[in-house]
Amino acid sequence: MRIQLTRIEVLDHKHPGLRLAVDSAFDKDETLEAIQKLVHAECGETVSIKTISNYKQRRYLPAKLGVEKLRDLFRGVKESFGEQAIPESTQAVILEKLQDALRAGAALDPHFLLREQRLWAQHDAKVAAIENEKKRIELELAKADRARQEVARVMKEPDAQKDPQRALEQIRGIYGLGG
């Protein structure tokens, strides 16, 4: 598919920087008449108001909206990470992926970000549950280790060898097995 250049783009090939000057004027919300005078001053050519308006509608506004959409999506991605710091290298990769997705025609919307945010929250909840289980197991292991040490102490006592029944009762008490 061949894209037809606007008159401003054709003039930009002859007079490099013209398009940038026109875009800057649009960024400053200058009137079409003021931009017409700017074009004449920059390259000495007269263009109609309609030509400038066509350029604005066909090139400037879509590009501006694309940048704003990309900026909003990126801001949403950063917000979805919450307080977690995202390294600049990762930010660059995310921005590049978003640009590629938009260029490919992907419809990225807030629902996409909300879904990702929910997935991160589920992931964080699973990690927290695993950490809690790990702590519980570590406490159980420490308790079992203390009991083992207590049993070893009981078995080293001279009375334990003389009265094995008494030693067995003490060991049952250590493990909470009762009588």
N, C-alpha and C. Protein backbone atom coordinates (compact mmCIF):
# COMPACT_ATOMS: atom_id res chain seq x y z
N MET A 1 0.84 -1.17 0.00
CA MET A 1 0.00 0.00 0.00
C MET A 1 0.89 1.24 0.00
N ARG A 2 0.65 2.11 -0.93
CA ARG A 2 1.46 3.30 -1.07
C ARG A 2 0.80 4.47 -0.36
N ILE A 3 1.56 5.17 0.45
CA ILE A 3 1.04 6.32 1.17
C ILE A 3 1.36 7.57 0.37
N GLN A 4 0.33 8.37 0.16
CA GLN A 4 0.53 9.61 -0.58
C GLN A 4 1.00 10.69 0.40
N LEU A 5 2.09 11.35 0.04
CA LEU A 5 2.64 12.40 0.89
C LEU A 5 1.77 13.65 0.81
N THR A 6 1.68 14.33 1.93
CA THR A 6 0.98 15.62 1.93
C THR A 6 1.92 16.67 1.36
N ARG A 7 1.38 17.82 1.03
CA ARG A 7 2.19 18.91 0.46
C ARG A 7 3.26 19.34 1.46
N ILE A 8 2.94 19.36 2.73
CA ILE A 8 3.91 19.74 3.77
C ILE A 8 5.07 18.75 3.76
N GLU A 9 4.78 17.45 3.63
CA GLU A 9 5.84 16.44 3.61
C GLU A 9 6.70 16.56 2.35
N VAL A 10 6.09 16.89 1.23
CA VAL A 10 6.85 17.08 -0.01
C VAL A 10 7.79 18.27 0.15
N LEU A 11 7.26 19.36 0.72
CA LEU A 11 8.09 20.55 0.93
C LEU A 11 9.20 20.27 1.95
N ASP A 12 8.92 19.39 2.92
CA ASP A 12 9.93 19.05 3.93
C ASP A 12 11.13 18.36 3.28
N HIS A 13 10.90 17.60 2.21
CA HIS A 13 12.02 16.96 1.49
C HIS A 13 12.91 18.02 0.83
N LYS A 14 12.29 19.07 0.33
CA LYS A 14 13.05 20.15 -0.30
C LYS A 14 13.67 21.08 0.74
N HIS A 15 12.95 21.27 1.83
CA HIS A 15 13.37 22.20 2.89
C HIS A 15 13.35 21.46 4.23
N PRO A 16 14.40 20.69 4.53
CA PRO A 16 14.42 19.90 5.76
C PRO A 16 14.16 20.76 7.00
N GLY A 17 13.32 20.23 7.88
CA GLY A 17 12.98 20.93 9.11
C GLY A 17 11.64 21.63 9.05
N LEU A 18 11.06 21.72 7.85
CA LEU A 18 9.77 22.41 7.73
C LEU A 18 8.68 21.66 8.50
N ARG A 19 8.64 20.36 8.34
CA ARG A 19 7.62 19.57 9.03
C ARG A 19 7.75 19.71 10.54
N LEU A 20 8.96 19.70 11.04
CA LEU A 20 9.19 19.87 12.47
C LEU A 20 8.70 21.23 12.93
N ALA A 21 8.95 22.26 12.12
CA ALA A 21 8.49 23.62 12.46
C ALA A 21 6.96 23.68 12.49
N VAL A 22 6.33 23.03 11.50
CA VAL A 22 4.86 23.01 11.45
C VAL A 22 4.31 22.25 12.67
N ASP A 23 4.90 21.10 12.97
CA ASP A 23 4.45 20.32 14.13
C ASP A 23 4.61 21.12 15.42
N SER A 24 5.72 21.83 15.56
CA SER A 24 5.94 22.66 16.75
C SER A 24 4.89 23.75 16.85
N ALA A 25 4.53 24.32 15.69
CA ALA A 25 3.49 25.36 15.69
C ALA A 25 2.15 24.77 16.13
N PHE A 26 1.84 23.56 15.66
CA PHE A 26 0.60 22.90 16.11
C PHE A 26 0.66 22.63 17.61
N ASP A 27 1.83 22.22 18.10
CA ASP A 27 1.99 21.96 19.53
C ASP A 27 1.71 23.22 20.35
N LYS A 28 2.03 24.37 19.79
CA LYS A 28 1.81 25.65 20.49
C LYS A 28 0.41 26.20 20.24
N ASP A 29 -0.43 25.42 19.56
CA ASP A 29 -1.81 25.81 19.25
C ASP A 29 -1.89 27.09 18.42
N GLU A 30 -0.95 27.23 17.50
CA GLU A 30 -1.00 28.39 16.61
C GLU A 30 -2.10 28.19 15.58
N THR A 31 -2.62 29.29 15.06
CA THR A 31 -3.71 29.21 14.09
C THR A 31 -3.18 28.72 12.75
N LEU A 32 -4.11 28.26 11.90
CA LEU A 32 -3.73 27.79 10.57
C LEU A 32 -3.13 28.94 9.76
N GLU A 33 -3.65 30.13 9.93
CA GLU A 33 -3.12 31.29 9.22
C GLU A 33 -1.68 31.58 9.64
N ALA A 34 -1.41 31.47 10.93
CA ALA A 34 -0.04 31.71 11.42
C ALA A 34 0.91 30.65 10.86
N ILE A 35 0.44 29.43 10.78
CA ILE A 35 1.28 28.35 10.24
C ILE A 35 1.49 28.56 8.74
N GLN A 36 0.47 29.07 8.06
CA GLN A 36 0.61 29.37 6.63
C GLN A 36 1.73 30.41 6.43
N LYS A 37 1.75 31.43 7.26
CA LYS A 37 2.81 32.45 7.19
C LYS A 37 4.17 31.84 7.53
N LEU A 38 4.19 30.93 8.49
CA LEU A 38 5.44 30.25 8.88
C LEU A 38 6.00 29.46 7.71
N VAL A 39 5.15 28.72 7.02
CA VAL A 39 5.59 27.92 5.87
C VAL A 39 6.17 28.84 4.80
N HIS A 40 5.49 29.95 4.54
CA HIS A 40 5.98 30.89 3.54
C HIS A 40 7.34 31.47 3.96
N ALA A 41 7.48 31.78 5.24
CA ALA A 41 8.75 32.34 5.73
C ALA A 41 9.87 31.30 5.68
N GLU A 42 9.55 30.03 5.97
CA GLU A 42 10.57 28.97 6.02
C GLU A 42 11.06 28.58 4.63
N CYS A 43 10.14 28.46 3.66
CA CYS A 43 10.55 27.92 2.36
C CYS A 43 10.16 28.79 1.17
N GLY A 44 9.51 29.92 1.43
CA GLY A 44 9.16 30.82 0.34
C GLY A 44 8.04 30.33 -0.55
N GLU A 45 7.33 29.30 -0.13
CA GLU A 45 6.23 28.76 -0.92
C GLU A 45 4.92 29.05 -0.21
N THR A 46 3.89 29.26 -1.01
CA THR A 46 2.57 29.54 -0.46
C THR A 46 1.76 28.24 -0.49
N VAL A 47 1.18 27.90 0.66
CA VAL A 47 0.30 26.73 0.75
C VAL A 47 -1.04 27.21 1.27
N SER A 48 -2.09 26.52 0.89
CA SER A 48 -3.44 26.92 1.31
C SER A 48 -3.71 26.47 2.75
N ILE A 49 -4.70 27.09 3.34
CA ILE A 49 -5.14 26.71 4.69
C ILE A 49 -5.62 25.26 4.66
N LYS A 50 -6.29 24.89 3.57
CA LYS A 50 -6.80 23.51 3.43
C LYS A 50 -5.64 22.52 3.43
N THR A 51 -4.53 22.86 2.80
CA THR A 51 -3.35 21.99 2.77
C THR A 51 -2.81 21.78 4.19
N ILE A 52 -2.76 22.86 4.93
CA ILE A 52 -2.26 22.77 6.31
C ILE A 52 -3.24 21.96 7.16
N SER A 53 -4.53 22.20 6.97
CA SER A 53 -5.55 21.45 7.71
C SER A 53 -5.48 19.96 7.37
N ASN A 54 -5.30 19.63 6.08
CA ASN A 54 -5.17 18.22 5.69
C ASN A 54 -3.97 17.57 6.36
N TYR A 55 -2.85 18.28 6.39
CA TYR A 55 -1.65 17.73 7.04
C TYR A 55 -1.94 17.48 8.53
N LYS A 56 -2.62 18.44 9.15
CA LYS A 56 -2.93 18.30 10.57
C LYS A 56 -3.80 17.06 10.81
N GLN A 57 -4.83 16.88 9.98
CA GLN A 57 -5.75 15.76 10.16
C GLN A 57 -5.14 14.42 9.80
N ARG A 58 -4.33 14.38 8.75
CA ARG A 58 -3.81 13.10 8.25
C ARG A 58 -2.51 12.66 8.92
N ARG A 59 -1.70 13.60 9.38
CA ARG A 59 -0.39 13.21 9.92
C ARG A 59 -0.18 13.65 11.37
N TYR A 60 -0.39 14.95 11.62
CA TYR A 60 -0.05 15.49 12.94
C TYR A 60 -0.92 14.87 14.04
N LEU A 61 -2.25 14.94 13.90
CA LEU A 61 -3.12 14.45 14.97
C LEU A 61 -2.99 12.95 15.22
N PRO A 62 -2.95 12.11 14.15
CA PRO A 62 -2.75 10.68 14.43
C PRO A 62 -1.42 10.39 15.16
N ALA A 63 -0.37 11.10 14.77
CA ALA A 63 0.92 10.89 15.44
C ALA A 63 0.85 11.35 16.89
N LYS A 64 0.22 12.50 17.12
CA LYS A 64 0.10 13.03 18.49
C LYS A 64 -0.74 12.09 19.35
N LEU A 65 -1.85 11.62 18.80
CA LEU A 65 -2.71 10.70 19.56
C LEU A 65 -1.99 9.39 19.83
N GLY A 66 -1.20 8.94 18.87
CA GLY A 66 -0.43 7.71 19.08
C GLY A 66 0.56 7.85 20.22
N VAL A 67 1.24 8.99 20.27
CA VAL A 67 2.21 9.24 21.35
C VAL A 67 1.48 9.33 22.69
N GLU A 68 0.34 10.03 22.71
CA GLU A 68 -0.42 10.16 23.95
C GLU A 68 -0.94 8.80 24.42
N LYS A 69 -1.42 7.99 23.47
CA LYS A 69 -1.91 6.67 23.83
C LYS A 69 -0.78 5.81 24.39
N LEU A 70 0.37 5.87 23.74
CA LEU A 70 1.53 5.12 24.21
C LEU A 70 1.94 5.58 25.60
N ARG A 71 1.95 6.88 25.82
CA ARG A 71 2.31 7.44 27.12
C ARG A 71 1.32 6.97 28.19
N ASP A 72 0.02 7.00 27.87
CA ASP A 72 -1.00 6.56 28.83
C ASP A 72 -0.87 5.06 29.14
N LEU A 73 -0.64 4.26 28.10
CA LEU A 73 -0.46 2.82 28.33
C LEU A 73 0.76 2.55 29.20
N PHE A 74 1.84 3.25 28.91
CA PHE A 74 3.06 3.05 29.69
C PHE A 74 2.85 3.48 31.14
N ARG A 75 2.15 4.58 31.33
CA ARG A 75 1.86 5.04 32.69
C ARG A 75 1.02 3.98 33.41
N GLY A 76 0.05 3.39 32.70
CA GLY A 76 -0.78 2.34 33.29
C GLY A 76 0.03 1.11 33.67
N VAL A 77 0.98 0.75 32.82
CA VAL A 77 1.84 -0.40 33.12
C VAL A 77 2.66 -0.11 34.37
N LYS A 78 3.23 1.10 34.44
CA LYS A 78 4.04 1.45 35.62
C LYS A 78 3.18 1.43 36.88
N GLU A 79 1.93 1.94 36.79
CA GLU A 79 1.04 1.95 37.95
C GLU A 79 0.66 0.54 38.36
N SER A 80 0.56 -0.36 37.39
CA SER A 80 0.16 -1.73 37.72
C SER A 80 1.24 -2.44 38.53
N PHE A 81 2.47 -1.96 38.46
CA PHE A 81 3.54 -2.55 39.26
C PHE A 81 3.52 -2.01 40.68
N GLY A 82 2.70 -1.02 40.94
CA GLY A 82 2.57 -0.47 42.28
C GLY A 82 3.85 0.23 42.72
N GLU A 83 4.23 -0.06 43.94
CA GLU A 83 5.40 0.60 44.53
C GLU A 83 6.71 -0.04 44.10
N GLN A 84 6.63 -1.15 43.36
CA GLN A 84 7.86 -1.81 42.94
C GLN A 84 8.60 -0.92 41.95
N ALA A 85 9.87 -0.76 42.18
CA ALA A 85 10.69 0.03 41.26
C ALA A 85 10.97 -0.80 40.00
N ILE A 86 10.79 -0.15 38.86
CA ILE A 86 11.06 -0.83 37.59
C ILE A 86 12.37 -0.25 37.05
N PRO A 87 13.38 -1.09 36.86
CA PRO A 87 14.65 -0.59 36.34
C PRO A 87 14.46 0.08 34.97
N GLU A 88 15.31 1.07 34.67
CA GLU A 88 15.17 1.81 33.41
C GLU A 88 15.30 0.89 32.21
N SER A 89 16.16 -0.11 32.30
CA SER A 89 16.31 -1.03 31.17
C SER A 89 15.00 -1.79 30.92
N THR A 90 14.31 -2.18 31.99
CA THR A 90 13.03 -2.86 31.86
C THR A 90 11.97 -1.92 31.32
N GLN A 91 12.01 -0.66 31.77
CA GLN A 91 11.07 0.34 31.25
C GLN A 91 11.24 0.50 29.75
N ALA A 92 12.48 0.52 29.29
CA ALA A 92 12.74 0.67 27.85
C ALA A 92 12.18 -0.52 27.07
N VAL A 93 12.35 -1.72 27.62
CA VAL A 93 11.83 -2.91 26.95
C VAL A 93 10.30 -2.87 26.91
N ILE A 94 9.67 -2.49 28.02
CA ILE A 94 8.21 -2.41 28.07
C ILE A 94 7.71 -1.39 27.04
N LEU A 95 8.35 -0.24 26.99
CA LEU A 95 7.95 0.81 26.05
C LEU A 95 8.09 0.31 24.61
N GLU A 96 9.16 -0.38 24.33
CA GLU A 96 9.38 -0.92 22.98
C GLU A 96 8.31 -1.95 22.62
N LYS A 97 7.98 -2.82 23.58
CA LYS A 97 6.95 -3.83 23.34
C LYS A 97 5.58 -3.18 23.09
N LEU A 98 5.28 -2.14 23.86
CA LEU A 98 4.01 -1.43 23.65
C LEU A 98 3.96 -0.78 22.27
N GLN A 99 5.07 -0.16 21.87
CA GLN A 99 5.13 0.45 20.54
C GLN A 99 4.93 -0.61 19.46
N ASP A 100 5.60 -1.74 19.59
CA ASP A 100 5.46 -2.82 18.61
C ASP A 100 4.02 -3.32 18.55
N ALA A 101 3.41 -3.46 19.71
CA ALA A 101 2.02 -3.95 19.77
C ALA A 101 1.07 -2.96 19.10
N LEU A 102 1.28 -1.67 19.36
CA LEU A 102 0.42 -0.66 18.74
C LEU A 102 0.63 -0.62 17.23
N ARG A 103 1.88 -0.72 16.79
CA ARG A 103 2.16 -0.73 15.36
C ARG A 103 1.51 -1.93 14.67
N ALA A 104 1.46 -3.05 15.40
CA ALA A 104 0.88 -4.27 14.84
C ALA A 104 -0.64 -4.24 14.89
N GLY A 105 -1.19 -3.20 15.48
CA GLY A 105 -2.65 -3.05 15.51
C GLY A 105 -3.30 -3.67 16.73
N ALA A 106 -2.53 -3.98 17.74
CA ALA A 106 -3.10 -4.56 18.96
C ALA A 106 -3.97 -3.51 19.65
N ALA A 107 -5.06 -3.97 20.19
CA ALA A 107 -5.97 -3.09 20.91
C ALA A 107 -5.65 -3.18 22.39
N LEU A 108 -4.70 -2.39 22.83
CA LEU A 108 -4.33 -2.39 24.24
C LEU A 108 -5.25 -1.41 24.95
N ASP A 109 -5.87 -1.88 25.99
CA ASP A 109 -6.79 -1.02 26.71
C ASP A 109 -6.61 -1.24 28.21
N PRO A 110 -7.32 -0.45 29.03
CA PRO A 110 -7.18 -0.60 30.48
C PRO A 110 -7.52 -2.01 30.98
N HIS A 111 -8.42 -2.72 30.27
CA HIS A 111 -8.78 -4.07 30.70
C HIS A 111 -7.56 -4.99 30.65
N PHE A 112 -6.73 -4.80 29.63
CA PHE A 112 -5.49 -5.55 29.52
C PHE A 112 -4.63 -5.31 30.76
N LEU A 113 -4.48 -4.05 31.13
CA LEU A 113 -3.65 -3.71 32.29
C LEU A 113 -4.26 -4.22 33.58
N LEU A 114 -5.59 -4.12 33.70
CA LEU A 114 -6.25 -4.60 34.91
C LEU A 114 -6.07 -6.11 35.04
N ARG A 115 -6.18 -6.85 33.93
CA ARG A 115 -5.97 -8.29 33.96
C ARG A 115 -4.55 -8.61 34.42
N GLU A 116 -3.59 -7.88 33.87
CA GLU A 116 -2.20 -8.09 34.27
C GLU A 116 -2.00 -7.77 35.74
N GLN A 117 -2.65 -6.71 36.20
CA GLN A 117 -2.54 -6.31 37.60
C GLN A 117 -3.13 -7.40 38.50
N ARG A 118 -4.28 -7.98 38.10
CA ARG A 118 -4.87 -9.07 38.88
C ARG A 118 -3.94 -10.28 38.92
N LEU A 119 -3.32 -10.59 37.79
CA LEU A 119 -2.39 -11.71 37.75
C LEU A 119 -1.21 -11.47 38.68
N TRP A 120 -0.70 -10.24 38.69
CA TRP A 120 0.40 -9.92 39.61
C TRP A 120 -0.05 -10.07 41.05
N ALA A 121 -1.26 -9.62 41.36
CA ALA A 121 -1.77 -9.73 42.73
C ALA A 121 -1.92 -11.19 43.13
N GLN A 122 -2.42 -12.03 42.21
CA GLN A 122 -2.52 -13.46 42.49
C GLN A 122 -1.14 -14.07 42.71
N HIS A 123 -0.20 -13.67 41.89
CA HIS A 123 1.17 -14.16 42.03
C HIS A 123 1.73 -13.76 43.39
N ASP A 124 1.54 -12.49 43.77
CA ASP A 124 2.04 -12.01 45.06
C ASP A 124 1.39 -12.77 46.21
N ALA A 125 0.09 -13.07 46.09
CA ALA A 125 -0.61 -13.81 47.15
C ALA A 125 -0.05 -15.22 47.27
N LYS A 126 0.24 -15.86 46.14
CA LYS A 126 0.82 -17.21 46.18
C LYS A 126 2.21 -17.18 46.81
N VAL A 127 2.99 -16.18 46.45
CA VAL A 127 4.33 -16.05 47.03
C VAL A 127 4.23 -15.86 48.55
N ALA A 128 3.28 -15.01 48.99
CA ALA A 128 3.10 -14.79 50.43
C ALA A 128 2.67 -16.08 51.13
N ALA A 129 1.77 -16.84 50.50
CA ALA A 129 1.33 -18.11 51.10
C ALA A 129 2.50 -19.08 51.21
N ILE A 130 3.32 -19.14 50.20
CA ILE A 130 4.49 -20.03 50.23
C ILE A 130 5.46 -19.59 51.32
N GLU A 131 5.66 -18.29 51.44
CA GLU A 131 6.55 -17.78 52.50
C GLU A 131 6.01 -18.12 53.89
N ASN A 132 4.69 -17.98 54.07
CA ASN A 132 4.08 -18.32 55.37
C ASN A 132 4.24 -19.81 55.66
N GLU A 133 4.02 -20.64 54.65
CA GLU A 133 4.17 -22.10 54.83
C GLU A 133 5.63 -22.44 55.16
N LYS A 134 6.55 -21.74 54.51
CA LYS A 134 7.98 -21.96 54.78
C LYS A 134 8.30 -21.62 56.23
N LYS A 135 7.77 -20.50 56.72
CA LYS A 135 8.01 -20.11 58.11
C LYS A 135 7.42 -21.13 59.07
N ARG A 136 6.18 -21.61 58.74
CA ARG A 136 5.54 -22.61 59.60
C ARG A 136 6.38 -23.88 59.66
N ILE A 137 6.88 -24.32 58.53
CA ILE A 137 7.70 -25.53 58.48
C ILE A 137 9.01 -25.32 59.24
N GLU A 138 9.61 -24.14 59.10
CA GLU A 138 10.85 -23.84 59.84
C GLU A 138 10.61 -23.88 61.34
N LEU A 139 9.45 -23.35 61.79
CA LEU A 139 9.12 -23.40 63.22
C LEU A 139 8.93 -24.85 63.69
N GLU A 140 8.25 -25.66 62.87
CA GLU A 140 8.06 -27.07 63.21
C GLU A 140 9.40 -27.79 63.29
N LEU A 141 10.29 -27.50 62.34
CA LEU A 141 11.62 -28.13 62.35
C LEU A 141 12.40 -27.71 63.59
N ALA A 142 12.31 -26.44 63.96
CA ALA A 142 13.03 -25.96 65.15
C ALA A 142 12.48 -26.64 66.41
N LYS A 143 11.14 -26.79 66.44
CA LYS A 143 10.51 -27.47 67.58
C LYS A 143 10.97 -28.93 67.64
N ALA A 144 11.00 -29.60 66.50
CA ALA A 144 11.44 -31.00 66.46
C ALA A 144 12.91 -31.11 66.85
N ASP A 145 13.71 -30.15 66.44
CA ASP A 145 15.13 -30.17 66.80
C ASP A 145 15.32 -29.99 68.30
N ARG A 146 14.54 -29.07 68.89
CA ARG A 146 14.62 -28.89 70.35
C ARG A 146 14.20 -30.17 71.08
N ALA A 147 13.15 -30.81 70.57
CA ALA A 147 12.69 -32.06 71.19
C ALA A 147 13.77 -33.14 71.08
N ARG A 148 14.40 -33.23 69.91
CA ARG A 148 15.47 -34.23 69.72
C ARG A 148 16.62 -33.97 70.69
N GLN A 149 16.98 -32.70 70.86
CA GLN A 149 18.06 -32.36 71.79
C GLN A 149 17.66 -32.70 73.23
N GLU A 150 16.40 -32.47 73.57
CA GLU A 150 15.92 -32.78 74.92
C GLU A 150 15.95 -34.30 75.16
N VAL A 151 15.54 -35.06 74.14
CA VAL A 151 15.58 -36.53 74.25
C VAL A 151 17.03 -36.99 74.42
N ALA A 152 17.94 -36.42 73.66
CA ALA A 152 19.36 -36.78 73.78
C ALA A 152 19.86 -36.46 75.18
N ARG A 153 19.44 -35.34 75.76
CA ARG A 153 19.85 -34.98 77.11
C ARG A 153 19.31 -35.98 78.13
N VAL A 154 18.02 -36.36 77.95
CA VAL A 154 17.41 -37.33 78.88
C VAL A 154 18.15 -38.66 78.81
N MET A 155 18.49 -39.09 77.60
CA MET A 155 19.14 -40.39 77.43
C MET A 155 20.56 -40.40 78.00
N LYS A 156 21.18 -39.23 78.09
CA LYS A 156 22.54 -39.18 78.64
C LYS A 156 22.55 -39.21 80.17
N GLU A 157 21.42 -38.94 80.77
CA GLU A 157 21.36 -38.94 82.24
C GLU A 157 21.60 -40.36 82.76
N PRO A 158 22.34 -40.46 83.86
CA PRO A 158 22.61 -41.80 84.41
C PRO A 158 21.33 -42.53 84.84
N ASP A 159 20.30 -41.81 85.27
CA ASP A 159 19.06 -42.44 85.69
C ASP A 159 18.35 -43.13 84.54
N ALA A 160 18.51 -42.60 83.34
CA ALA A 160 17.81 -43.16 82.17
C ALA A 160 18.28 -44.59 81.91
N GLN A 161 19.53 -44.84 82.16
CA GLN A 161 20.03 -46.19 81.89
C GLN A 161 19.63 -47.15 83.01
N LYS A 162 19.46 -46.61 84.23
CA LYS A 162 19.05 -47.46 85.34
C LYS A 162 17.55 -47.71 85.31
N ASP A 163 16.77 -46.70 84.90
CA ASP A 163 15.30 -46.82 84.91
C ASP A 163 14.75 -46.44 83.53
N PRO A 164 14.75 -47.39 82.58
CA PRO A 164 14.30 -47.08 81.22
C PRO A 164 12.83 -46.64 81.16
N GLN A 165 11.99 -47.16 82.06
CA GLN A 165 10.57 -46.79 82.07
C GLN A 165 10.41 -45.31 82.37
N ARG A 166 11.18 -44.82 83.32
CA ARG A 166 11.12 -43.39 83.68
C ARG A 166 11.61 -42.55 82.50
N ALA A 167 12.66 -42.99 81.82
CA ALA A 167 13.19 -42.26 80.66
C ALA A 167 12.15 -42.22 79.55
N LEU A 168 11.42 -43.35 79.36
CA LEU A 168 10.38 -43.39 78.34
C LEU A 168 9.26 -42.41 78.67
N GLU A 169 8.88 -42.31 79.92
CA GLU A 169 7.85 -41.35 80.33
C GLU A 169 8.30 -39.92 80.09
N GLN A 170 9.56 -39.62 80.37
CA GLN A 170 10.09 -38.28 80.12
C GLN A 170 10.06 -37.96 78.62
N ILE A 171 10.42 -38.94 77.80
CA ILE A 171 10.43 -38.73 76.33
C ILE A 171 9.01 -38.51 75.83
N ARG A 172 8.05 -39.30 76.37
CA ARG A 172 6.65 -39.09 75.99
C ARG A 172 6.19 -37.68 76.38
N GLY A 173 6.62 -37.21 77.49
CA GLY A 173 6.29 -35.84 77.95
C GLY A 173 6.87 -34.79 77.01
N ILE A 174 8.08 -35.03 76.53
CA ILE A 174 8.72 -34.09 75.61
C ILE A 174 7.90 -33.94 74.34
N TYR A 175 7.42 -35.08 73.82
CA TYR A 175 6.66 -35.05 72.57
C TYR A 175 5.16 -34.83 72.80
N GLY A 176 4.76 -34.68 74.05
CA GLY A 176 3.36 -34.44 74.35
C GLY A 176 2.46 -35.64 74.14
N LEU A 177 2.99 -36.85 74.34
CA LEU A 177 2.21 -38.07 74.10
C LEU A 177 1.54 -38.58 75.35
N GLY A 178 1.93 -38.08 76.48
CA GLY A 178 1.28 -38.49 77.73
C GLY A 178 1.44 -39.98 78.01
N GLY A 179 1.10 -40.39 79.15
CA GLY A 179 1.20 -41.61 79.62
C GLY A 179 1.11 -42.94 79.49
